[in-house]
Amino acid sequence: MNDKNKAPFKVEDVNWDELSGIGILKDELEQTGELETLLQGEKTGVVSLSLVLLGVDVVMDATLQLVRKNDSPLLEIIGINPTQ
């Protein structure tokens, strides 16, 4: 049996309501072609994020990656250092 095309994560396993609360939208990831990369458990390309974390506006470039934690998907946001 060939599991090569089977993504490690399913779109319905991700809590999109929680992620939309910090500005990460499934539709935007889909439009940019990064949703499939994310569901494969791979790092996305660089995306621009505008997040509200604990009442603070944070604007940053980052890559995203889904990992498993306690058998649930967890989104890692890996910030990109700006070059000077």
PDB file of N, CA and C in Angstrom:
ATOM      1  N   MET A   1       0.842  -1.189   0.000  1.00  0.00           N
ATOM      2  CA  MET A   1       0.000   0.000   0.000  1.00  0.00           C
ATOM      3  C   MET A   1       0.885   1.250   0.000  1.00  0.00           C
ATOM      4  N   ASN A   2       0.545   2.225  -0.813  1.00  0.00           N
ATOM      5  CA  ASN A   2       1.354   3.426  -0.949  1.00  0.00           C
ATOM      6  C   ASN A   2       0.764   4.555  -0.105  1.00  0.00           C
ATOM      7  N   ASP A   3       1.456   4.906   0.982  1.00  0.00           N
ATOM      8  CA  ASP A   3       1.013   5.991   1.859  1.00  0.00           C
ATOM      9  C   ASP A   3       1.731   7.295   1.549  1.00  0.00           C
ATOM     10  N   LYS A   4       2.437   7.337   0.426  1.00  0.00           N
ATOM     11  CA  LYS A   4       3.253   8.496   0.085  1.00  0.00           C
ATOM     12  C   LYS A   4       2.437   9.785   0.007  1.00  0.00           C
ATOM     13  N   ASN A   5       1.205   9.723  -0.505  1.00  0.00           N
ATOM     14  CA  ASN A   5       0.384  10.917  -0.668  1.00  0.00           C
ATOM     15  C   ASN A   5      -0.502  11.211   0.538  1.00  0.00           C
ATOM     16  N   LYS A   6      -0.407  10.396   1.564  1.00  0.00           N
ATOM     17  CA  LYS A   6      -1.246  10.597   2.746  1.00  0.00           C
ATOM     18  C   LYS A   6      -0.594  11.618   3.676  1.00  0.00           C
ATOM     19  N   ALA A   7      -1.293  12.721   3.903  1.00  0.00           N
ATOM     20  CA  ALA A   7      -0.759  13.772   4.768  1.00  0.00           C
ATOM     21  C   ALA A   7      -0.802  13.315   6.224  1.00  0.00           C
ATOM     22  N   PRO A   8       0.229  13.683   7.003  1.00  0.00           N
ATOM     23  CA  PRO A   8       0.231  13.309   8.418  1.00  0.00           C
ATOM     24  C   PRO A   8      -0.840  14.044   9.219  1.00  0.00           C
ATOM     25  N   PHE A   9      -1.328  15.163   8.703  1.00  0.00           N
ATOM     26  CA  PHE A   9      -2.363  15.939   9.384  1.00  0.00           C
ATOM     27  C   PHE A   9      -3.555  16.113   8.450  1.00  0.00           C
ATOM     28  N   LYS A  10      -4.737  16.132   9.034  1.00  0.00           N
ATOM     29  CA  LYS A  10      -5.961  16.375   8.271  1.00  0.00           C
ATOM     30  C   LYS A  10      -6.439  17.791   8.580  1.00  0.00           C
ATOM     31  N   VAL A  11      -7.022  18.417   7.584  1.00  0.00           N
ATOM     32  CA  VAL A  11      -7.478  19.796   7.742  1.00  0.00           C
ATOM     33  C   VAL A  11      -8.474  19.914   8.901  1.00  0.00           C
ATOM     34  N   GLU A  12      -9.282  18.887   9.114  1.00  0.00           N
ATOM     35  CA  GLU A  12     -10.283  18.943  10.185  1.00  0.00           C
ATOM     36  C   GLU A  12      -9.685  18.714  11.577  1.00  0.00           C
ATOM     37  N   ASP A  13      -8.436  18.264  11.655  1.00  0.00           N
ATOM     38  CA  ASP A  13      -7.771  18.065  12.947  1.00  0.00           C
ATOM     39  C   ASP A  13      -7.237  19.368  13.540  1.00  0.00           C
ATOM     40  N   VAL A  14      -7.088  20.384  12.690  1.00  0.00           N
ATOM     41  CA  VAL A  14      -6.516  21.659  13.119  1.00  0.00           C
ATOM     42  C   VAL A  14      -7.628  22.554  13.655  1.00  0.00           C
ATOM     43  N   ASN A  15      -7.372  23.225  14.781  1.00  0.00           N
ATOM     44  CA  ASN A  15      -8.350  24.129  15.370  1.00  0.00           C
ATOM     45  C   ASN A  15      -8.248  25.493  14.669  1.00  0.00           C
ATOM     46  N   TRP A  16      -8.948  25.616  13.547  1.00  0.00           N
ATOM     47  CA  TRP A  16      -8.876  26.834  12.736  1.00  0.00           C
ATOM     48  C   TRP A  16      -9.491  28.029  13.444  1.00  0.00           C
ATOM     49  N   ASP A  17     -10.472  27.805  14.313  1.00  0.00           N
ATOM     50  CA  ASP A  17     -11.065  28.918  15.067  1.00  0.00           C
ATOM     51  C   ASP A  17     -10.022  29.549  15.985  1.00  0.00           C
ATOM     52  N   GLU A  18      -9.242  28.698  16.635  1.00  0.00           N
ATOM     53  CA  GLU A  18      -8.190  29.193  17.528  1.00  0.00           C
ATOM     54  C   GLU A  18      -7.119  29.946  16.739  1.00  0.00           C
ATOM     55  N   LEU A  19      -6.710  29.380  15.605  1.00  0.00           N
ATOM     56  CA  LEU A  19      -5.681  30.027  14.795  1.00  0.00           C
ATOM     57  C   LEU A  19      -6.178  31.334  14.182  1.00  0.00           C
ATOM     58  N   SER A  20      -7.445  31.393  13.802  1.00  0.00           N
ATOM     59  CA  SER A  20      -7.964  32.638  13.227  1.00  0.00           C
ATOM     60  C   SER A  20      -7.973  33.748  14.276  1.00  0.00           C
ATOM     61  N   GLY A  21      -8.056  33.363  15.544  1.00  0.00           N
ATOM     62  CA  GLY A  21      -8.009  34.335  16.632  1.00  0.00           C
ATOM     63  C   GLY A  21      -6.670  35.054  16.718  1.00  0.00           C
ATOM     64  N   ILE A  22      -5.619  34.446  16.153  1.00  0.00           N
ATOM     65  CA  ILE A  22      -4.321  35.121  16.131  1.00  0.00           C
ATOM     66  C   ILE A  22      -3.927  35.528  14.710  1.00  0.00           C
ATOM     67  N   GLY A  23      -4.884  35.436  13.788  1.00  0.00           N
ATOM     68  CA  GLY A  23      -4.658  35.958  12.440  1.00  0.00           C
ATOM     69  C   GLY A  23      -4.167  34.954  11.417  1.00  0.00           C
ATOM     70  N   ILE A  24      -4.186  33.661  11.731  1.00  0.00           N
ATOM     71  CA  ILE A  24      -3.768  32.639  10.769  1.00  0.00           C
ATOM     72  C   ILE A  24      -5.022  31.992  10.206  1.00  0.00           C
ATOM     73  N   LEU A  25      -5.286  32.223   8.924  1.00  0.00           N
ATOM     74  CA  LEU A  25      -6.533  31.783   8.307  1.00  0.00           C
ATOM     75  C   LEU A  25      -6.300  30.654   7.310  1.00  0.00           C
ATOM     76  N   LYS A  26      -7.132  29.634   7.417  1.00  0.00           N
ATOM     77  CA  LYS A  26      -7.038  28.477   6.518  1.00  0.00           C
ATOM     78  C   LYS A  26      -7.179  28.905   5.067  1.00  0.00           C
ATOM     79  N   ASP A  27      -8.131  29.780   4.761  1.00  0.00           N
ATOM     80  CA  ASP A  27      -8.370  30.220   3.387  1.00  0.00           C
ATOM     81  C   ASP A  27      -7.141  30.913   2.791  1.00  0.00           C
ATOM     82  N   GLU A  28      -6.463  31.725   3.584  1.00  0.00           N
ATOM     83  CA  GLU A  28      -5.270  32.414   3.094  1.00  0.00           C
ATOM     84  C   GLU A  28      -4.144  31.423   2.820  1.00  0.00           C
ATOM     85  N   LEU A  29      -3.975  30.430   3.706  1.00  0.00           N
ATOM     86  CA  LEU A  29      -2.955  29.407   3.484  1.00  0.00           C
ATOM     87  C   LEU A  29      -3.264  28.600   2.231  1.00  0.00           C
ATOM     88  N   GLU A  30      -4.542  28.341   2.014  1.00  0.00           N
ATOM     89  CA  GLU A  30      -4.964  27.602   0.831  1.00  0.00           C
ATOM     90  C   GLU A  30      -4.680  28.405  -0.439  1.00  0.00           C
ATOM     91  N   GLN A  31      -4.987  29.693  -0.413  1.00  0.00           N
ATOM     92  CA  GLN A  31      -4.779  30.559  -1.578  1.00  0.00           C
ATOM     93  C   GLN A  31      -3.309  30.687  -1.944  1.00  0.00           C
ATOM     94  N   THR A  32      -2.439  30.692  -0.942  1.00  0.00           N
ATOM     95  CA  THR A  32      -1.007  30.834  -1.206  1.00  0.00           C
ATOM     96  C   THR A  32      -0.344  29.489  -1.506  1.00  0.00           C
ATOM     97  N   GLY A  33      -1.103  28.404  -1.405  1.00  0.00           N
ATOM     98  CA  GLY A  33      -0.552  27.079  -1.673  1.00  0.00           C
ATOM     99  C   GLY A  33       0.213  26.481  -0.505  1.00  0.00           C
ATOM    100  N   GLU A  34       0.160  27.116   0.654  1.00  0.00           N
ATOM    101  CA  GLU A  34       0.918  26.646   1.819  1.00  0.00           C
ATOM    102  C   GLU A  34       0.143  25.652   2.689  1.00  0.00           C
ATOM    103  N   LEU A  35      -1.154  25.525   2.479  1.00  0.00           N
ATOM    104  CA  LEU A  35      -1.952  24.624   3.319  1.00  0.00           C
ATOM    105  C   LEU A  35      -1.484  23.180   3.167  1.00  0.00           C
ATOM    106  N   GLU A  36      -1.257  22.749   1.947  1.00  0.00           N
ATOM    107  CA  GLU A  36      -0.832  21.367   1.708  1.00  0.00           C
ATOM    108  C   GLU A  36       0.533  21.097   2.341  1.00  0.00           C
ATOM    109  N   THR A  37       1.429  22.065   2.230  1.00  0.00           N
ATOM    110  CA  THR A  37       2.758  21.941   2.855  1.00  0.00           C
ATOM    111  C   THR A  37       2.608  21.780   4.362  1.00  0.00           C
ATOM    112  N   LEU A  38       1.753  22.597   4.950  1.00  0.00           N
ATOM    113  CA  LEU A  38       1.510  22.540   6.396  1.00  0.00           C
ATOM    114  C   LEU A  38       0.950  21.185   6.809  1.00  0.00           C
ATOM    115  N   LEU A  39      -0.021  20.674   6.044  1.00  0.00           N
ATOM    116  CA  LEU A  39      -0.644  19.387   6.372  1.00  0.00           C
ATOM    117  C   LEU A  39       0.321  18.223   6.191  1.00  0.00           C
ATOM    118  N   GLN A  40       1.360  18.419   5.384  1.00  0.00           N
ATOM    119  CA  GLN A  40       2.391  17.385   5.210  1.00  0.00           C
ATOM    120  C   GLN A  40       3.367  17.360   6.384  1.00  0.00           C
ATOM    121  N   GLY A  41       3.248  18.347   7.290  1.00  0.00           N
ATOM    122  CA  GLY A  41       4.157  18.419   8.428  1.00  0.00           C
ATOM    123  C   GLY A  41       5.476  19.087   8.082  1.00  0.00           C
ATOM    124  N   GLU A  42       5.521  19.769   6.944  1.00  0.00           N
ATOM    125  CA  GLU A  42       6.726  20.454   6.500  1.00  0.00           C
ATOM    126  C   GLU A  42       6.616  21.940   6.819  1.00  0.00           C
ATOM    127  N   LYS A  43       7.760  22.617   6.836  1.00  0.00           N
ATOM    128  CA  LYS A  43       7.759  24.062   7.047  1.00  0.00           C
ATOM    129  C   LYS A  43       7.241  24.747   5.792  1.00  0.00           C
ATOM    130  N   THR A  44       6.398  25.741   6.003  1.00  0.00           N
ATOM    131  CA  THR A  44       5.902  26.534   4.882  1.00  0.00           C
ATOM    132  C   THR A  44       7.000  27.476   4.423  1.00  0.00           C
ATOM    133  N   GLY A  45       6.750  28.123   3.311  1.00  0.00           N
ATOM    134  CA  GLY A  45       7.612  29.229   2.915  1.00  0.00           C
ATOM    135  C   GLY A  45       7.370  30.373   3.889  1.00  0.00           C
ATOM    136  N   VAL A  46       8.080  31.448   3.704  1.00  0.00           N
ATOM    137  CA  VAL A  46       7.931  32.602   4.589  1.00  0.00           C
ATOM    138  C   VAL A  46       6.573  33.255   4.349  1.00  0.00           C
ATOM    139  N   VAL A  47       5.838  33.471   5.441  1.00  0.00           N
ATOM    140  CA  VAL A  47       4.547  34.148   5.386  1.00  0.00           C
ATOM    141  C   VAL A  47       4.603  35.366   6.301  1.00  0.00           C
ATOM    142  N   SER A  48       3.891  36.399   5.929  1.00  0.00           N
ATOM    143  CA  SER A  48       3.795  37.588   6.776  1.00  0.00           C
ATOM    144  C   SER A  48       2.612  37.425   7.708  1.00  0.00           C
ATOM    145  N   LEU A  49       2.864  37.639   8.986  1.00  0.00           N
ATOM    146  CA  LEU A  49       1.822  37.489   9.985  1.00  0.00           C
ATOM    147  C   LEU A  49       1.603  38.804  10.709  1.00  0.00           C
ATOM    148  N   SER A  50       0.358  39.066  11.021  1.00  0.00           N
ATOM    149  CA  SER A  50      -0.003  40.191  11.865  1.00  0.00           C
ATOM    150  C   SER A  50      -0.837  39.606  12.989  1.00  0.00           C
ATOM    151  N   LEU A  51      -0.201  39.386  14.132  1.00  0.00           N
ATOM    152  CA  LEU A  51      -0.816  38.676  15.243  1.00  0.00           C
ATOM    153  C   LEU A  51      -1.153  39.620  16.391  1.00  0.00           C
ATOM    154  N   VAL A  52      -2.145  39.240  17.169  1.00  0.00           N
ATOM    155  CA  VAL A  52      -2.422  39.920  18.418  1.00  0.00           C
ATOM    156  C   VAL A  52      -2.200  38.886  19.515  1.00  0.00           C
ATOM    157  N   LEU A  53      -1.127  39.086  20.269  1.00  0.00           N
ATOM    158  CA  LEU A  53      -0.765  38.154  21.330  1.00  0.00           C
ATOM    159  C   LEU A  53      -0.781  38.884  22.665  1.00  0.00           C
ATOM    160  N   LEU A  54      -1.655  38.441  23.543  1.00  0.00           N
ATOM    161  CA  LEU A  54      -1.794  39.054  24.871  1.00  0.00           C
ATOM    162  C   LEU A  54      -1.984  40.564  24.779  1.00  0.00           C
ATOM    163  N   GLY A  55      -2.767  40.990  23.800  1.00  0.00           N
ATOM    164  CA  GLY A  55      -3.075  42.402  23.632  1.00  0.00           C
ATOM    165  C   GLY A  55      -2.008  43.218  22.936  1.00  0.00           C
ATOM    166  N   VAL A  56      -0.969  42.570  22.436  1.00  0.00           N
ATOM    167  CA  VAL A  56       0.118  43.266  21.749  1.00  0.00           C
ATOM    168  C   VAL A  56       0.078  42.900  20.273  1.00  0.00           C
ATOM    169  N   ASP A  57       0.103  43.926  19.410  1.00  0.00           N
ATOM    170  CA  ASP A  57       0.157  43.677  17.971  1.00  0.00           C
ATOM    171  C   ASP A  57       1.581  43.283  17.593  1.00  0.00           C
ATOM    172  N   VAL A  58       1.717  42.142  16.916  1.00  0.00           N
ATOM    173  CA  VAL A  58       3.020  41.646  16.489  1.00  0.00           C
ATOM    174  C   VAL A  58       2.960  41.439  14.979  1.00  0.00           C
ATOM    175  N   VAL A  59       3.845  42.116  14.249  1.00  0.00           N
ATOM    176  CA  VAL A  59       3.951  41.952  12.807  1.00  0.00           C
ATOM    177  C   VAL A  59       5.300  41.303  12.545  1.00  0.00           C
ATOM    178  N   MET A  60       5.280  40.167  11.840  1.00  0.00           N
ATOM    179  CA  MET A  60       6.527  39.434  11.622  1.00  0.00           C
ATOM    180  C   MET A  60       6.437  38.534  10.414  1.00  0.00           C
ATOM    181  N   ASP A  61       7.588  38.189   9.879  1.00  0.00           N
ATOM    182  CA  ASP A  61       7.681  37.160   8.853  1.00  0.00           C
ATOM    183  C   ASP A  61       8.073  35.872   9.570  1.00  0.00           C
ATOM    184  N   ALA A  62       7.470  34.768   9.156  1.00  0.00           N
ATOM    185  CA  ALA A  62       7.730  33.498   9.828  1.00  0.00           C
ATOM    186  C   ALA A  62       7.435  32.343   8.891  1.00  0.00           C
ATOM    187  N   THR A  63       7.928  31.174   9.266  1.00  0.00           N
ATOM    188  CA  THR A  63       7.479  29.936   8.643  1.00  0.00           C
ATOM    189  C   THR A  63       6.591  29.240   9.659  1.00  0.00           C
ATOM    190  N   LEU A  64       5.711  28.397   9.160  1.00  0.00           N
ATOM    191  CA  LEU A  64       4.784  27.660  10.016  1.00  0.00           C
ATOM    192  C   LEU A  64       5.027  26.175   9.825  1.00  0.00           C
ATOM    193  N   GLN A  65       4.812  25.407  10.887  1.00  0.00           N
ATOM    194  CA  GLN A  65       4.947  23.954  10.779  1.00  0.00           C
ATOM    195  C   GLN A  65       4.035  23.297  11.800  1.00  0.00           C
ATOM    196  N   LEU A  66       3.314  22.276  11.354  1.00  0.00           N
ATOM    197  CA  LEU A  66       2.510  21.471  12.268  1.00  0.00           C
ATOM    198  C   LEU A  66       3.358  20.327  12.806  1.00  0.00           C
ATOM    199  N   VAL A  67       3.312  20.142  14.115  1.00  0.00           N
ATOM    200  CA  VAL A  67       3.990  19.032  14.773  1.00  0.00           C
ATOM    201  C   VAL A  67       2.982  18.339  15.682  1.00  0.00           C
ATOM    202  N   ARG A  68       3.296  17.135  16.097  1.00  0.00           N
ATOM    203  CA  ARG A  68       2.414  16.419  17.021  1.00  0.00           C
ATOM    204  C   ARG A  68       2.882  16.658  18.451  1.00  0.00           C
ATOM    205  N   LYS A  69       1.920  16.982  19.307  1.00  0.00           N
ATOM    206  CA  LYS A  69       2.183  17.099  20.739  1.00  0.00           C
ATOM    207  C   LYS A  69       1.023  16.440  21.460  1.00  0.00           C
ATOM    208  N   ASN A  70       1.320  15.410  22.220  1.00  0.00           N
ATOM    209  CA  ASN A  70       0.281  14.636  22.911  1.00  0.00           C
ATOM    210  C   ASN A  70      -0.790  14.166  21.937  1.00  0.00           C
ATOM    211  N   ASP A  71      -0.343  13.713  20.761  1.00  0.00           N
ATOM    212  CA  ASP A  71      -1.212  13.162  19.715  1.00  0.00           C
ATOM    213  C   ASP A  71      -2.147  14.183  19.077  1.00  0.00           C
ATOM    214  N   SER A  72      -1.905  15.469  19.319  1.00  0.00           N
ATOM    215  CA  SER A  72      -2.704  16.535  18.706  1.00  0.00           C
ATOM    216  C   SER A  72      -1.786  17.428  17.875  1.00  0.00           C
ATOM    217  N   PRO A  73      -2.327  18.042  16.815  1.00  0.00           N
ATOM    218  CA  PRO A  73      -1.503  18.956  16.029  1.00  0.00           C
ATOM    219  C   PRO A  73      -1.237  20.253  16.789  1.00  0.00           C
ATOM    220  N   LEU A  74      -0.006  20.711  16.721  1.00  0.00           N
ATOM    221  CA  LEU A  74       0.401  21.963  17.348  1.00  0.00           C
ATOM    222  C   LEU A  74       1.111  22.786  16.283  1.00  0.00           C
ATOM    223  N   LEU A  75       0.723  24.042  16.139  1.00  0.00           N
ATOM    224  CA  LEU A  75       1.343  24.908  15.140  1.00  0.00           C
ATOM    225  C   LEU A  75       2.560  25.590  15.739  1.00  0.00           C
ATOM    226  N   GLU A  76       3.708  25.398  15.105  1.00  0.00           N
ATOM    227  CA  GLU A  76       4.924  26.122  15.488  1.00  0.00           C
ATOM    228  C   GLU A  76       5.077  27.298  14.554  1.00  0.00           C
ATOM    229  N   ILE A  77       5.331  28.473  15.131  1.00  0.00           N
ATOM    230  CA  ILE A  77       5.596  29.685  14.368  1.00  0.00           C
ATOM    231  C   ILE A  77       7.068  29.995  14.561  1.00  0.00           C
ATOM    232  N   ILE A  78       7.830  29.937  13.475  1.00  0.00           N
ATOM    233  CA  ILE A  78       9.272  30.138  13.537  1.00  0.00           C
ATOM    234  C   ILE A  78       9.586  31.480  12.913  1.00  0.00           C
ATOM    235  N   GLY A  79       9.874  32.468  13.756  1.00  0.00           N
ATOM    236  CA  GLY A  79      10.139  33.818  13.287  1.00  0.00           C
ATOM    237  C   GLY A  79      11.403  33.903  12.456  1.00  0.00           C
ATOM    238  N   ILE A  80      11.387  34.779  11.464  1.00  0.00           N
ATOM    239  CA  ILE A  80      12.528  35.008  10.583  1.00  0.00           C
ATOM    240  C   ILE A  80      13.247  36.252  11.073  1.00  0.00           C
ATOM    241  N   ASN A  81      14.559  36.148  11.256  1.00  0.00           N
ATOM    242  CA  ASN A  81      15.353  37.318  11.655  1.00  0.00           C
ATOM    243  C   ASN A  81      15.508  38.243  10.465  1.00  0.00           C
ATOM    244  N   PRO A  82      15.192  39.522  10.651  1.00  0.00           N
ATOM    245  CA  PRO A  82      15.386  40.466   9.545  1.00  0.00           C
ATOM    246  C   PRO A  82      16.873  40.684   9.311  1.00  0.00           C
ATOM    247  N   THR A  83      17.256  40.840   8.054  1.00  0.00           N
ATOM    248  CA  THR A  83      18.660  41.106   7.740  1.00  0.00           C
ATOM    249  C   THR A  83      18.902  42.602   7.778  1.00  0.00           C
ATOM    250  N   GLN A  84      20.045  42.979   8.219  1.00  0.00           N
ATOM    251  CA  GLN A  84      20.387  44.401   8.338  1.00  0.00           C
ATOM    252  C   GLN A  84      21.175  44.853   7.146  1.00  0.00           C
TER     253      GLN A  84
END
